[in-house]
C-alpha atoms as a PDB file:
ATOM      1  CA  UNK A   1       9.229-198.581 -14.956  1.00  0.00           C
ATOM      2  CA  UNK A   2       9.156-197.142 -18.507  1.00  0.00           C
ATOM      3  CA  UNK A   3       5.407-196.772 -18.304  1.00  0.00           C
ATOM      4  CA  UNK A   4       5.699-194.818 -15.040  1.00  0.00           C
ATOM      5  CA  UNK A   5       8.288-192.455 -16.541  1.00  0.00           C
ATOM      6  CA  UNK A   6       6.025-191.784 -19.578  1.00  0.00           C
ATOM      7  CA  UNK A   7       3.077-190.993 -17.339  1.00  0.00           C
ATOM      8  CA  UNK A   8       5.037-188.511 -15.209  1.00  0.00           C
ATOM      9  CA  UNK A   9       6.434-186.773 -18.257  1.00  0.00           C
ATOM     10  CA  UNK A  10       2.980-186.469 -19.753  1.00  0.00           C
ATOM     11  CA  UNK A  11       1.557-184.983 -16.548  1.00  0.00           C
ATOM     12  CA  UNK A  12       4.375-182.455 -16.360  1.00  0.00           C
ATOM     13  CA  UNK A  13       3.764-181.401 -19.968  1.00  0.00           C
ATOM     14  CA  UNK A  14       0.009-181.046 -19.483  1.00  0.00           C
ATOM     15  CA  UNK A  15       0.514-179.035 -16.292  1.00  0.00           C
ATOM     16  CA  UNK A  16       2.819-176.632 -18.109  1.00  0.00           C
ATOM     17  CA  UNK A  17       0.308-175.833 -20.900  1.00  0.00           C
ATOM     18  CA  UNK A  18      -1.684-173.164 -18.992  1.00  0.00           C
ATOM     19  CA  UNK A  19       1.550-171.402 -18.080  1.00  0.00           C
ATOM     20  CA  UNK A  20       2.583-171.302 -21.718  1.00  0.00           C
ATOM     21  CA  UNK A  21      -0.815-169.894 -22.699  1.00  0.00           C
ATOM     22  CA  UNK A  22      -0.538-167.158 -20.097  1.00  0.00           C
ATOM     23  CA  UNK A  23       2.791-165.957 -21.490  1.00  0.00           C
ATOM     24  CA  UNK A  24       1.657-165.956 -25.122  1.00  0.00           C
ATOM     25  CA  UNK A  25       2.172-162.686 -26.997  1.00  0.00           C
ATOM     26  CA  UNK A  26      -0.901-160.363 -27.129  1.00  0.00           C
ATOM     27  CA  UNK A  27      -2.826-160.073 -30.385  1.00  0.00           C
ATOM     28  CA  UNK A  28      -1.354-157.533 -32.764  1.00  0.00           C
ATOM     29  CA  UNK A  29      -3.143-154.190 -33.112  1.00  0.00           C
ATOM     30  CA  UNK A  30      -4.784-153.988 -36.559  1.00  0.00           C
ATOM     31  CA  UNK A  31      -3.299-151.507 -39.032  1.00  0.00           C
ATOM     32  CA  UNK A  32      -6.717-150.059 -39.825  1.00  0.00           C
ATOM     33  CA  UNK A  33     -10.337-149.987 -38.720  1.00  0.00           C
ATOM     34  CA  UNK A  34     -13.497-149.696 -40.779  1.00  0.00           C
ATOM     35  CA  UNK A  35     -16.666-148.506 -39.032  1.00  0.00           C
ATOM     36  CA  UNK A  36     -20.148-147.466 -40.045  1.00  0.00           C
ATOM     37  CA  UNK A  37     -22.820-145.320 -38.443  1.00  0.00           C
ATOM     38  CA  UNK A  38     -26.562-144.866 -38.844  1.00  0.00           C
ATOM     39  CA  UNK A  39     -28.941-142.452 -37.140  1.00  0.00           C
ATOM     40  CA  UNK A  40     -32.484-141.068 -37.187  1.00  0.00           C
ATOM     41  CA  UNK A  41     -32.983-137.418 -36.161  1.00  0.00           C
ATOM     42  CA  UNK A  42     -36.147-135.369 -35.698  1.00  0.00           C
ATOM     43  CA  UNK A  43     -34.363-132.485 -37.489  1.00  0.00           C
ATOM     44  CA  UNK A  44     -31.004-132.106 -39.227  1.00  0.00           C
ATOM     45  CA  UNK A  45     -29.326-129.023 -37.741  1.00  0.00           C
ATOM     46  CA  UNK A  46     -26.038-127.945 -39.290  1.00  0.00           C
ATOM     47  CA  UNK A  47     -24.325-125.108 -37.450  1.00  0.00           C
ATOM     48  CA  UNK A  48     -27.666-124.245 -35.903  1.00  0.00           C
ATOM     49  CA  UNK A  49     -29.604-124.066 -39.186  1.00  0.00           C
ATOM     50  CA  UNK A  50     -32.256-126.664 -40.092  1.00  0.00           C
ATOM     51  CA  UNK A  51     -31.331-128.473 -43.308  1.00  0.00           C
ATOM     52  CA  UNK A  52     -34.607-130.403 -43.534  1.00  0.00           C
ATOM     53  CA  UNK A  53     -37.156-127.612 -42.909  1.00  0.00           C
ATOM     54  CA  UNK A  54     -37.500-128.971 -39.346  1.00  0.00           C
ATOM     55  CA  UNK A  55     -38.484-132.411 -40.596  1.00  0.00           C
ATOM     56  CA  UNK A  56     -36.844-135.796 -39.772  1.00  0.00           C
ATOM     57  CA  UNK A  57     -33.571-136.975 -41.282  1.00  0.00           C
ATOM     58  CA  UNK A  58     -31.957-140.357 -41.813  1.00  0.00           C
ATOM     59  CA  UNK A  59     -28.170-140.155 -41.712  1.00  0.00           C
ATOM     60  CA  UNK A  60     -25.326-142.591 -42.105  1.00  0.00           C
ATOM     61  CA  UNK A  61     -21.770-143.059 -43.234  1.00  0.00           C
ATOM     62  CA  UNK A  62     -18.585-145.084 -43.192  1.00  0.00           C
ATOM     63  CA  UNK A  63     -15.099-144.298 -41.825  1.00  0.00           C
ATOM     64  CA  UNK A  64     -11.673-145.765 -42.566  1.00  0.00           C
ATOM     65  CA  UNK A  65      -8.865-145.062 -40.085  1.00  0.00           C
ATOM     66  CA  UNK A  66      -5.230-146.190 -40.419  1.00  0.00           C
ATOM     67  CA  UNK A  67      -2.842-146.681 -37.507  1.00  0.00           C
ATOM     68  CA  UNK A  68      -0.681-143.881 -38.950  1.00  0.00           C
ATOM     69  CA  UNK A  69      -3.482-141.410 -38.141  1.00  0.00           C
ATOM     70  CA  UNK A  70      -4.693-141.011 -41.728  1.00  0.00           C
ATOM     71  CA  UNK A  71      -8.455-141.304 -42.191  1.00  0.00           C
ATOM     72  CA  UNK A  72     -11.086-141.123 -44.932  1.00  0.00           C
ATOM     73  CA  UNK A  73     -14.845-141.052 -44.692  1.00  0.00           C
ATOM     74  CA  UNK A  74     -18.227-140.443 -46.229  1.00  0.00           C
ATOM     75  CA  UNK A  75     -21.419-139.238 -44.515  1.00  0.00           C
ATOM     76  CA  UNK A  76     -24.886-138.664 -45.972  1.00  0.00           C
ATOM     77  CA  UNK A  77     -28.224-137.128 -45.003  1.00  0.00           C
ATOM     78  CA  UNK A  78     -31.467-136.185 -46.650  1.00  0.00           C
ATOM     79  CA  UNK A  79     -31.995-132.408 -46.955  1.00  0.00           C
ATOM     80  CA  UNK A  80     -34.829-130.086 -47.944  1.00  0.00           C
ATOM     81  CA  UNK A  81     -34.694-129.739 -51.730  1.00  0.00           C
ATOM     82  CA  UNK A  82     -36.099-126.195 -51.676  1.00  0.00           C
ATOM     83  CA  UNK A  83     -33.008-125.065 -49.764  1.00  0.00           C
ATOM     84  CA  UNK A  84     -30.512-126.939 -51.908  1.00  0.00           C
ATOM     85  CA  UNK A  85     -31.591-126.165 -55.451  1.00  0.00           C
ATOM     86  CA  UNK A  86     -33.512-129.372 -56.050  1.00  0.00           C
ATOM     87  CA  UNK A  87     -31.032-131.685 -54.297  1.00  0.00           C
ATOM     88  CA  UNK A  88     -32.600-134.144 -51.839  1.00  0.00           C
ATOM     89  CA  UNK A  89     -29.383-135.459 -50.312  1.00  0.00           C
ATOM     90  CA  UNK A  90     -26.145-134.119 -48.883  1.00  0.00           C
ATOM     91  CA  UNK A  91     -23.032-136.235 -49.388  1.00  0.00           C
ATOM     92  CA  UNK A  92     -19.902-135.336 -47.423  1.00  0.00           C
ATOM     93  CA  UNK A  93     -16.472-136.659 -48.386  1.00  0.00           C
ATOM     94  CA  UNK A  94     -13.590-135.990 -46.020  1.00  0.00           C
ATOM     95  CA  UNK A  95     -10.085-137.055 -45.128  1.00  0.00           C
ATOM     96  CA  UNK A  96      -7.224-136.014 -42.927  1.00  0.00           C
ATOM     97  CA  UNK A  97      -4.816-136.961 -40.178  1.00  0.00           C
ATOM     98  CA  UNK A  98      -5.312-137.378 -36.431  1.00  0.00           C
ATOM     99  CA  UNK A  99      -2.837-137.795 -33.588  1.00  0.00           C
ATOM    100  CA  UNK A 100      -3.037-138.031 -29.808  1.00  0.00           C
ATOM    101  CA  UNK A 101      -0.568-136.760 -27.233  1.00  0.00           C
ATOM    102  CA  UNK A 102      -1.685-137.978 -23.829  1.00  0.00           C
ATOM    103  CA  UNK A 103      -5.008-136.289 -23.102  1.00  0.00           C
ATOM    104  CA  UNK A 104      -4.668-134.007 -26.131  1.00  0.00           C
ATOM    105  CA  UNK A 105      -5.629-134.616 -29.741  1.00  0.00           C
ATOM    106  CA  UNK A 106      -4.960-132.978 -33.103  1.00  0.00           C
ATOM    107  CA  UNK A 107      -7.084-133.242 -36.258  1.00  0.00           C
ATOM    108  CA  UNK A 108      -6.174-131.765 -39.668  1.00  0.00           C
ATOM    109  CA  UNK A 109      -8.233-132.355 -42.788  1.00  0.00           C
ATOM    110  CA  UNK A 110     -10.549-131.285 -45.580  1.00  0.00           C
ATOM    111  CA  UNK A 111     -14.208-131.899 -46.400  1.00  0.00           C
ATOM    112  CA  UNK A 112     -16.321-131.523 -49.529  1.00  0.00           C
ATOM    113  CA  UNK A 113     -20.097-131.026 -49.209  1.00  0.00           C
ATOM    114  CA  UNK A 114     -21.790-132.340 -52.350  1.00  0.00           C
ATOM    115  CA  UNK A 115     -25.451-131.864 -53.310  1.00  0.00           C
ATOM    116  CA  UNK A 116     -26.209-134.011 -56.385  1.00  0.00           C
ATOM    117  CA  UNK A 117     -29.113-133.256 -58.706  1.00  0.00           C
ATOM    118  CA  UNK A 118     -30.111-130.793 -61.375  1.00  0.00           C
ATOM    119  CA  UNK A 119     -30.239-127.187 -60.192  1.00  0.00           C
ATOM    120  CA  UNK A 120     -33.063-124.903 -61.127  1.00  0.00           C
ATOM    121  CA  UNK A 121     -32.169-122.237 -63.755  1.00  0.00           C
ATOM    122  CA  UNK A 122     -30.360-119.248 -62.254  1.00  0.00           C
ATOM    123  CA  UNK A 123     -29.736-120.995 -58.905  1.00  0.00           C
ATOM    124  CA  UNK A 124     -26.180-121.036 -57.555  1.00  0.00           C
ATOM    125  CA  UNK A 125     -24.269-124.200 -56.758  1.00  0.00           C
ATOM    126  CA  UNK A 126     -24.371-125.065 -53.035  1.00  0.00           C
ATOM    127  CA  UNK A 127     -21.399-127.485 -53.190  1.00  0.00           C
ATOM    128  CA  UNK A 128     -18.775-126.373 -50.671  1.00  0.00           C
ATOM    129  CA  UNK A 129     -15.123-127.154 -49.973  1.00  0.00           C
ATOM    130  CA  UNK A 130     -13.519-126.553 -46.556  1.00  0.00           C
ATOM    131  CA  UNK A 131     -10.262-127.251 -44.776  1.00  0.00           C
ATOM    132  CA  UNK A 132     -10.155-127.565 -41.009  1.00  0.00           C
ATOM    133  CA  UNK A 133      -7.936-127.878 -37.934  1.00  0.00           C
ATOM    134  CA  UNK A 134      -9.130-129.177 -34.597  1.00  0.00           C
ATOM    135  CA  UNK A 135      -7.676-129.685 -31.126  1.00  0.00           C
ATOM    136  CA  UNK A 136      -9.134-131.666 -28.258  1.00  0.00           C
ATOM    137  CA  UNK A 137      -8.557-132.268 -24.570  1.00  0.00           C
ATOM    138  CA  UNK A 138     -10.397-135.124 -22.842  1.00  0.00           C
ATOM    139  CA  UNK A 139     -14.061-134.088 -23.241  1.00  0.00           C
ATOM    140  CA  UNK A 140     -13.558-130.612 -24.790  1.00  0.00           C
ATOM    141  CA  UNK A 141     -12.681-129.635 -28.363  1.00  0.00           C
ATOM    142  CA  UNK A 142     -12.250-126.675 -30.710  1.00  0.00           C
ATOM    143  CA  UNK A 143     -12.371-126.819 -34.509  1.00  0.00           C
ATOM    144  CA  UNK A 144     -11.718-124.079 -37.068  1.00  0.00           C
ATOM    145  CA  UNK A 145     -13.091-124.520 -40.609  1.00  0.00           C
ATOM    146  CA  UNK A 146     -12.064-122.298 -43.534  1.00  0.00           C
ATOM    147  CA  UNK A 147     -14.116-122.109 -46.734  1.00  0.00           C
ATOM    148  CA  UNK A 148     -12.374-122.320 -50.124  1.00  0.00           C
ATOM    149  CA  UNK A 149     -15.363-121.344 -52.284  1.00  0.00           C
ATOM    150  CA  UNK A 150     -18.732-119.605 -51.841  1.00  0.00           C
ATOM    151  CA  UNK A 151     -20.182-120.560 -48.461  1.00  0.00           C
ATOM    152  CA  UNK A 152     -22.847-123.064 -49.611  1.00  0.00           C
ATOM    153  CA  UNK A 153     -23.577-120.768 -52.526  1.00  0.00           C
ATOM    154  CA  UNK A 154     -24.298-117.755 -50.302  1.00  0.00           C
ATOM    155  CA  UNK A 155     -23.634-114.306 -51.792  1.00  0.00           C
ATOM    156  CA  UNK A 156     -25.391-111.796 -49.474  1.00  0.00           C
ATOM    157  CA  UNK A 157     -23.991-108.799 -51.360  1.00  0.00           C
ATOM    158  CA  UNK A 158     -23.614-110.482 -54.757  1.00  0.00           C
ATOM    159  CA  UNK A 159     -19.903-111.109 -54.185  1.00  0.00           C
ATOM    160  CA  UNK A 160     -17.945-114.327 -53.648  1.00  0.00           C
ATOM    161  CA  UNK A 161     -17.874-115.572 -50.047  1.00  0.00           C
ATOM    162  CA  UNK A 162     -14.792-117.796 -50.206  1.00  0.00           C
ATOM    163  CA  UNK A 163     -12.698-117.163 -47.101  1.00  0.00           C
ATOM    164  CA  UNK A 164     -15.671-117.491 -44.758  1.00  0.00           C
ATOM    165  CA  UNK A 165     -14.928-119.381 -41.543  1.00  0.00           C
ATOM    166  CA  UNK A 166     -16.608-121.219 -38.692  1.00  0.00           C
ATOM    167  CA  UNK A 167     -15.357-121.838 -35.137  1.00  0.00           C
ATOM    168  CA  UNK A 168     -16.856-124.806 -33.286  1.00  0.00           C
ATOM    169  CA  UNK A 169     -16.377-125.028 -29.493  1.00  0.00           C
ATOM    170  CA  UNK A 170     -17.832-128.260 -28.116  1.00  0.00           C
ATOM    171  CA  UNK A 171     -17.904-130.394 -24.979  1.00  0.00           C
ATOM    172  CA  UNK A 172     -19.155-133.929 -24.295  1.00  0.00           C
ATOM    173  CA  UNK A 173     -18.828-134.536 -20.556  1.00  0.00           C
ATOM    174  CA  UNK A 174     -19.457-138.127 -19.338  1.00  0.00           C
ATOM    175  CA  UNK A 175     -21.209-138.567 -15.988  1.00  0.00           C
ATOM    176  CA  UNK A 176     -19.139-141.354 -14.441  1.00  0.00           C
ATOM    177  CA  UNK A 177     -20.272-144.869 -15.361  1.00  0.00           C
ATOM    178  CA  UNK A 178     -23.901-143.912 -15.950  1.00  0.00           C
ATOM    179  CA  UNK A 179     -23.566-143.944 -19.735  1.00  0.00           C
ATOM    180  CA  UNK A 180     -24.947-140.393 -19.786  1.00  0.00           C
ATOM    181  CA  UNK A 181     -23.004-137.627 -21.539  1.00  0.00           C
ATOM    182  CA  UNK A 182     -23.787-133.917 -21.271  1.00  0.00           C
ATOM    183  CA  UNK A 183     -23.511-132.056 -24.598  1.00  0.00           C
ATOM    184  CA  UNK A 184     -22.689-128.368 -25.081  1.00  0.00           C
ATOM    185  CA  UNK A 185     -21.709-126.365 -28.147  1.00  0.00           C
ATOM    186  CA  UNK A 186     -21.096-122.767 -29.210  1.00  0.00           C
ATOM    187  CA  UNK A 187     -20.305-121.754 -32.775  1.00  0.00           C
ATOM    188  CA  UNK A 188     -19.308-118.572 -34.589  1.00  0.00           C
ATOM    189  CA  UNK A 189     -19.902-118.178 -38.340  1.00  0.00           C
ATOM    190  CA  UNK A 190     -18.235-115.292 -40.184  1.00  0.00           C
ATOM    191  CA  UNK A 191     -19.384-115.003 -43.792  1.00  0.00           C
ATOM    192  CA  UNK A 192     -16.918-112.958 -45.844  1.00  0.00           C
ATOM    193  CA  UNK A 193     -18.387-109.932 -47.676  1.00  0.00           C
ATOM    194  CA  UNK A 194     -21.471-110.302 -45.550  1.00  0.00           C
ATOM    195  CA  UNK A 195     -24.606-108.260 -45.923  1.00  0.00           C
ATOM    196  CA  UNK A 196     -26.525-106.383 -43.248  1.00  0.00           C
ATOM    197  CA  UNK A 197     -30.025-106.428 -41.836  1.00  0.00           C
ATOM    198  CA  UNK A 198     -32.091-109.189 -43.494  1.00  0.00           C
ATOM    199  CA  UNK A 199     -29.124-110.025 -45.762  1.00  0.00           C
ATOM    200  CA  UNK A 200     -26.696-110.724 -42.919  1.00  0.00           C
ATOM    201  CA  UNK A 201     -25.547-114.344 -43.146  1.00  0.00           C
ATOM    202  CA  UNK A 202     -23.106-114.358 -40.191  1.00  0.00           C
ATOM    203  CA  UNK A 203     -24.398-115.488 -36.801  1.00  0.00           C
ATOM    204  CA  UNK A 204     -23.605-117.383 -33.597  1.00  0.00           C
ATOM    205  CA  UNK A 205     -25.243-120.685 -32.657  1.00  0.00           C
ATOM    206  CA  UNK A 206     -25.408-122.886 -29.565  1.00  0.00           C
ATOM    207  CA  UNK A 207     -26.887-126.117 -28.280  1.00  0.00           C
ATOM    208  CA  UNK A 208     -27.330-127.942 -24.957  1.00  0.00           C
ATOM    209  CA  UNK A 209     -28.394-131.517 -24.416  1.00  0.00           C
ATOM    210  CA  UNK A 210     -27.613-134.991 -23.160  1.00  0.00           C
ATOM    211  CA  UNK A 211     -27.153-138.478 -24.573  1.00  0.00           C
ATOM    212  CA  UNK A 212     -27.312-141.973 -23.104  1.00  0.00           C
ATOM    213  CA  UNK A 213     -25.563-145.037 -24.525  1.00  0.00           C
ATOM    214  CA  UNK A 214     -27.167-148.444 -23.905  1.00  0.00           C
ATOM    215  CA  UNK A 215     -24.563-150.390 -21.857  1.00  0.00           C
ATOM    216  CA  UNK A 216     -25.486-153.986 -22.719  1.00  0.00           C
ATOM    217  CA  UNK A 217     -28.074-156.294 -24.194  1.00  0.00           C
ATOM    218  CA  UNK A 218     -29.426-156.470 -27.718  1.00  0.00           C
ATOM    219  CA  UNK A 219     -29.205-152.690 -28.175  1.00  0.00           C
ATOM    220  CA  UNK A 220     -25.722-152.320 -26.687  1.00  0.00           C
ATOM    221  CA  UNK A 221     -23.947-149.238 -28.045  1.00  0.00           C
ATOM    222  CA  UNK A 222     -27.133-147.525 -29.234  1.00  0.00           C
ATOM    223  CA  UNK A 223     -27.025-143.781 -28.441  1.00  0.00           C
ATOM    224  CA  UNK A 224     -30.250-141.991 -27.517  1.00  0.00           C
ATOM    225  CA  UNK A 225     -30.073-138.222 -27.189  1.00  0.00           C
ATOM    226  CA  UNK A 226     -31.860-134.894 -27.124  1.00  0.00           C
ATOM    227  CA  UNK A 227     -30.717-131.281 -27.361  1.00  0.00           C
ATOM    228  CA  UNK A 228     -31.966-127.767 -27.957  1.00  0.00           C
ATOM    229  CA  UNK A 229     -30.332-125.689 -30.701  1.00  0.00           C
ATOM    230  CA  UNK A 230     -30.686-121.970 -31.457  1.00  0.00           C
ATOM    231  CA  UNK A 231     -28.959-119.030 -33.182  1.00  0.00           C
ATOM    232  CA  UNK A 232     -28.861-115.249 -32.847  1.00  0.00           C
ATOM    233  CA  UNK A 233     -29.773-114.810 -36.542  1.00  0.00           C
ATOM    234  CA  UNK A 234     -32.854-112.680 -37.185  1.00  0.00           C
ATOM    235  CA  UNK A 235     -33.888-115.341 -39.694  1.00  0.00           C
ATOM    236  CA  UNK A 236     -34.127-113.057 -42.731  1.00  0.00           C
ATOM    237  CA  UNK A 237     -31.295-114.619 -44.722  1.00  0.00           C
ATOM    238  CA  UNK A 238     -32.216-118.147 -43.581  1.00  0.00           C
ATOM    239  CA  UNK A 239     -35.940-118.022 -44.376  1.00  0.00           C
ATOM    240  CA  UNK A 240     -36.554-120.663 -47.058  1.00  0.00           C
ATOM    241  CA  UNK A 241     -38.856-120.559 -50.072  1.00  0.00           C
ATOM    242  CA  UNK A 242     -41.790-121.770 -47.967  1.00  0.00           C
ATOM    243  CA  UNK A 243     -41.411-118.809 -45.583  1.00  0.00           C
ATOM    244  CA  UNK A 244     -40.043-120.864 -42.700  1.00  0.00           C
ATOM    245  CA  UNK A 245     -37.233-119.458 -40.544  1.00  0.00           C
ATOM    246  CA  UNK A 246     -34.707-122.316 -40.538  1.00  0.00           C
ATOM    247  CA  UNK A 247     -32.484-120.485 -38.009  1.00  0.00           C
ATOM    248  CA  UNK A 248     -35.165-120.443 -35.313  1.00  0.00           C
ATOM    249  CA  UNK A 249     -34.423-122.550 -32.221  1.00  0.00           C
ATOM    250  CA  UNK A 250     -35.873-126.022 -31.822  1.00  0.00           C
ATOM    251  CA  UNK A 251     -35.464-129.246 -29.868  1.00  0.00           C
ATOM    252  CA  UNK A 252     -34.018-132.342 -31.515  1.00  0.00           C
ATOM    253  CA  UNK A 253     -34.262-135.999 -30.469  1.00  0.00           C
ATOM    254  CA  UNK A 254     -32.290-138.798 -32.083  1.00  0.00           C
ATOM    255  CA  UNK A 255     -31.042-142.375 -31.980  1.00  0.00           C
ATOM    256  CA  UNK A 256     -27.802-143.510 -33.626  1.00  0.00           C
ATOM    257  CA  UNK A 257     -25.462-146.464 -33.684  1.00  0.00           C
ATOM    258  CA  UNK A 258     -21.838-147.000 -34.655  1.00  0.00           C
ATOM    259  CA  UNK A 259     -20.908-150.521 -35.758  1.00  0.00           C
END
């Protein structure tokens, strides 16, 4: 009789285990995330201007994000040394705060563009400091950046260009569950104390393209994309030392991965 009672009790306990597992508390959301990214591009276009003399670029960085919305990051790319006073790399350091409100998002922060290396005699420093504010809604976003020192060393009329600004209007529209995203962008650059004619540094830029993210398999999460980028600059101010117009439109293909 005692043996029968023990067996029944054991069966009841074993039967109850799945139920207990189903009611277990969900895993806690981590306080922070740390991600990295790496990409290869046929050309590095920044605000419509080629930074690599229309040659390939390898880019990558790391991002730290806290549950409070605070974030810090670093991003790097090779650049054309003739444009950046002997520097072969651009290093961006940024930080700020993000928040979401339903389908809307807010992003406030600052970024420092650093070009290490020894400058040639008489060449200005291209290092640049900006603050920015961005808003987003689902697949659309707008970001306003305000320059706190000379705009990448530019002085079209020989005067300081701190106070220059850039407005970025962008969209990344996903096509259902296909993994394809349509990309569109329009930007407005206003360089303070700008020049005129061939010395005019202000311009508008735009790009259109598409990207596809690998859904599964060994390359899951890999993004493959292509876009066309152009500006309305006449190219005078953005013609480099080799005589190439870096503001002229071109197509770009790329692959990148976040991990």
